[in-house]
Amino acid sequence: MDVKKDENSILENMKQEINHSLKEEAQEEEEILKKRISSHPLYGLLLHSHLNCLKEAYCSTLRELKEAMEKPLTETHRFVDAVYTQLNDIVMSSPP
């Protein structure tokens, strides 16, 4: 029974070491890939284009938000103007 536990323990340790080694290799490969990408001659252009795209999307969203916020105010102004016009018509049409 103890031999089984020892074998399981050894196997578990080996499994953990292999997983750790694989994670380290994956991290190293990821760093190498990042360095290759960032050192590419067109990387700056790609980054600039990407940031401009994010800015355009942000500006578009802000524009839509502004329009959505202004719409009720515009409708309110129209309503108040219509009521004012109607009241003015009533006052002007009534005899002195």
C-alpha atoms as a PDB file:
ATOM      1  CA  MET A   1       0.000   0.000   0.000  1.00  0.00           C
ATOM      2  CA  ASP A   2       2.830   2.401   0.879  1.00  0.00           C
ATOM      3  CA  VAL A   3       4.550   1.547  -2.388  1.00  0.00           C
ATOM      4  CA  LYS A   4       1.382   2.535  -4.264  1.00  0.00           C
ATOM      5  CA  LYS A   5       1.260   5.861  -2.405  1.00  0.00           C
ATOM      6  CA  ASP A   6       4.911   6.488  -3.164  1.00  0.00           C
ATOM      7  CA  GLU A   7       4.358   5.699  -6.849  1.00  0.00           C
ATOM      8  CA  ASN A   8       1.337   7.988  -6.963  1.00  0.00           C
ATOM      9  CA  SER A   9       3.288  10.710  -5.207  1.00  0.00           C
ATOM     10  CA  ILE A  10       6.207  10.365  -7.608  1.00  0.00           C
ATOM     11  CA  LEU A  11       3.862  10.386 -10.593  1.00  0.00           C
ATOM     12  CA  GLU A  12       2.047  13.462  -9.252  1.00  0.00           C
ATOM     13  CA  ASN A  13       5.363  15.275  -8.747  1.00  0.00           C
ATOM     14  CA  MET A  14       6.474  14.385 -12.263  1.00  0.00           C
ATOM     15  CA  LYS A  15       3.159  15.593 -13.629  1.00  0.00           C
ATOM     16  CA  GLN A  16       3.519  18.898 -11.789  1.00  0.00           C
ATOM     17  CA  GLU A  17       7.093  19.344 -13.014  1.00  0.00           C
ATOM     18  CA  ILE A  18       6.045  18.661 -16.603  1.00  0.00           C
ATOM     19  CA  ASN A  19       3.139  21.107 -16.347  1.00  0.00           C
ATOM     20  CA  HIS A  20       5.409  23.744 -14.839  1.00  0.00           C
ATOM     21  CA  SER A  21       7.973  23.178 -17.579  1.00  0.00           C
ATOM     22  CA  LEU A  22       5.312  23.424 -20.276  1.00  0.00           C
ATOM     23  CA  LYS A  23       3.984  26.668 -18.795  1.00  0.00           C
ATOM     24  CA  GLU A  24       7.471  28.165 -18.722  1.00  0.00           C
ATOM     25  CA  GLU A  25       8.068  27.134 -22.344  1.00  0.00           C
ATOM     26  CA  ALA A  26       4.737  28.622 -23.393  1.00  0.00           C
ATOM     27  CA  GLN A  27       5.567  31.883 -21.599  1.00  0.00           C
ATOM     28  CA  GLU A  28       8.986  32.019 -23.259  1.00  0.00           C
ATOM     29  CA  GLU A  29       7.452  31.380 -26.675  1.00  0.00           C
ATOM     30  CA  GLU A  30       4.863  34.087 -26.021  1.00  0.00           C
ATOM     31  CA  GLU A  31       7.578  36.586 -25.084  1.00  0.00           C
ATOM     32  CA  ILE A  32       9.568  35.718 -28.199  1.00  0.00           C
ATOM     33  CA  LEU A  33       6.465  36.180 -30.336  1.00  0.00           C
ATOM     34  CA  LYS A  34       5.716  39.538 -28.683  1.00  0.00           C
ATOM     35  CA  LYS A  35       9.270  40.708 -29.363  1.00  0.00           C
ATOM     36  CA  ARG A  36       9.084  39.582 -32.993  1.00  0.00           C
ATOM     37  CA  ILE A  37       5.775  41.387 -33.504  1.00  0.00           C
ATOM     38  CA  SER A  38       6.865  44.592 -31.788  1.00  0.00           C
ATOM     39  CA  SER A  39      10.116  44.723 -33.750  1.00  0.00           C
ATOM     40  CA  HIS A  40       8.385  44.334 -37.123  1.00  0.00           C
ATOM     41  CA  PRO A  41       8.842  47.440 -39.319  1.00  0.00           C
ATOM     42  CA  LEU A  42       5.086  47.893 -39.766  1.00  0.00           C
ATOM     43  CA  TYR A  43       4.231  47.431 -36.087  1.00  0.00           C
ATOM     44  CA  GLY A  44       4.106  51.185 -35.471  1.00  0.00           C
ATOM     45  CA  LEU A  45       1.681  51.659 -38.351  1.00  0.00           C
ATOM     46  CA  LEU A  46      -0.476  48.799 -37.103  1.00  0.00           C
ATOM     47  CA  LEU A  47      -0.544  50.242 -33.591  1.00  0.00           C
ATOM     48  CA  HIS A  48      -1.344  53.732 -34.886  1.00  0.00           C
ATOM     49  CA  SER A  49      -4.163  52.398 -37.086  1.00  0.00           C
ATOM     50  CA  HIS A  50      -5.567  50.338 -34.227  1.00  0.00           C
ATOM     51  CA  LEU A  51      -5.590  53.299 -31.858  1.00  0.00           C
ATOM     52  CA  ASN A  52      -7.219  55.524 -34.472  1.00  0.00           C
ATOM     53  CA  CYS A  53      -9.905  52.893 -34.997  1.00  0.00           C
ATOM     54  CA  LEU A  54     -10.576  52.840 -31.210  1.00  0.00           C
ATOM     55  CA  LYS A  55     -10.747  56.651 -31.206  1.00  0.00           C
ATOM     56  CA  GLU A  56     -13.215  56.641 -34.100  1.00  0.00           C
ATOM     57  CA  ALA A  57     -15.428  54.112 -32.341  1.00  0.00           C
ATOM     58  CA  TYR A  58     -15.250  56.154 -29.127  1.00  0.00           C
ATOM     59  CA  CYS A  59     -16.142  59.374 -30.952  1.00  0.00           C
ATOM     60  CA  SER A  60     -18.992  57.656 -32.760  1.00  0.00           C
ATOM     61  CA  THR A  61     -20.350  56.340 -29.467  1.00  0.00           C
ATOM     62  CA  LEU A  62     -20.088  59.778 -27.874  1.00  0.00           C
ATOM     63  CA  ARG A  63     -21.868  61.345 -30.856  1.00  0.00           C
ATOM     64  CA  GLU A  64     -24.710  58.827 -30.577  1.00  0.00           C
ATOM     65  CA  LEU A  65     -24.942  59.453 -26.833  1.00  0.00           C
ATOM     66  CA  LYS A  66     -25.059  63.212 -27.391  1.00  0.00           C
ATOM     67  CA  GLU A  67     -27.848  62.835 -29.934  1.00  0.00           C
ATOM     68  CA  ALA A  68     -29.786  60.550 -27.597  1.00  0.00           C
ATOM     69  CA  MET A  69     -29.443  63.078 -24.778  1.00  0.00           C
ATOM     70  CA  GLU A  70     -30.387  66.057 -26.964  1.00  0.00           C
ATOM     71  CA  LYS A  71     -33.470  64.419 -28.495  1.00  0.00           C
ATOM     72  CA  PRO A  72     -35.741  64.786 -25.416  1.00  0.00           C
ATOM     73  CA  LEU A  73     -34.560  68.370 -24.923  1.00  0.00           C
ATOM     74  CA  THR A  74     -35.304  69.233 -28.554  1.00  0.00           C
ATOM     75  CA  GLU A  75     -38.749  67.634 -28.302  1.00  0.00           C
ATOM     76  CA  THR A  76     -39.417  69.583 -25.103  1.00  0.00           C
ATOM     77  CA  HIS A  77     -38.442  72.860 -26.794  1.00  0.00           C
ATOM     78  CA  ARG A  78     -40.768  72.086 -29.689  1.00  0.00           C
ATOM     79  CA  PHE A  79     -43.605  71.312 -27.293  1.00  0.00           C
ATOM     80  CA  VAL A  80     -43.058  74.504 -25.281  1.00  0.00           C
ATOM     81  CA  ASP A  81     -42.877  76.568 -28.486  1.00  0.00           C
ATOM     82  CA  ALA A  82     -46.133  74.999 -29.728  1.00  0.00           C
ATOM     83  CA  VAL A  83     -47.865  75.696 -26.410  1.00  0.00           C
ATOM     84  CA  TYR A  84     -46.560  79.280 -26.421  1.00  0.00           C
ATOM     85  CA  THR A  85     -47.832  79.768 -29.972  1.00  0.00           C
ATOM     86  CA  GLN A  86     -51.249  78.390 -29.062  1.00  0.00           C
ATOM     87  CA  LEU A  87     -51.469  80.589 -25.957  1.00  0.00           C
ATOM     88  CA  ASN A  88     -50.420  83.607 -27.979  1.00  0.00           C
ATOM     89  CA  ASP A  89     -53.085  82.809 -30.596  1.00  0.00           C
ATOM     90  CA  ILE A  90     -55.709  82.547 -27.854  1.00  0.00           C
ATOM     91  CA  VAL A  91     -54.696  85.846 -26.302  1.00  0.00           C
ATOM     92  CA  MET A  92     -54.604  87.625 -29.669  1.00  0.00           C
ATOM     93  CA  SER A  93     -57.968  86.244 -30.793  1.00  0.00           C
ATOM     94  CA  SER A  94     -59.849  87.166 -27.639  1.00  0.00           C
ATOM     95  CA  PRO A  95     -61.703  90.494 -27.637  1.00  0.00           C
ATOM     96  CA  PRO A  96     -60.231  93.314 -25.545  1.00  0.00           C
END
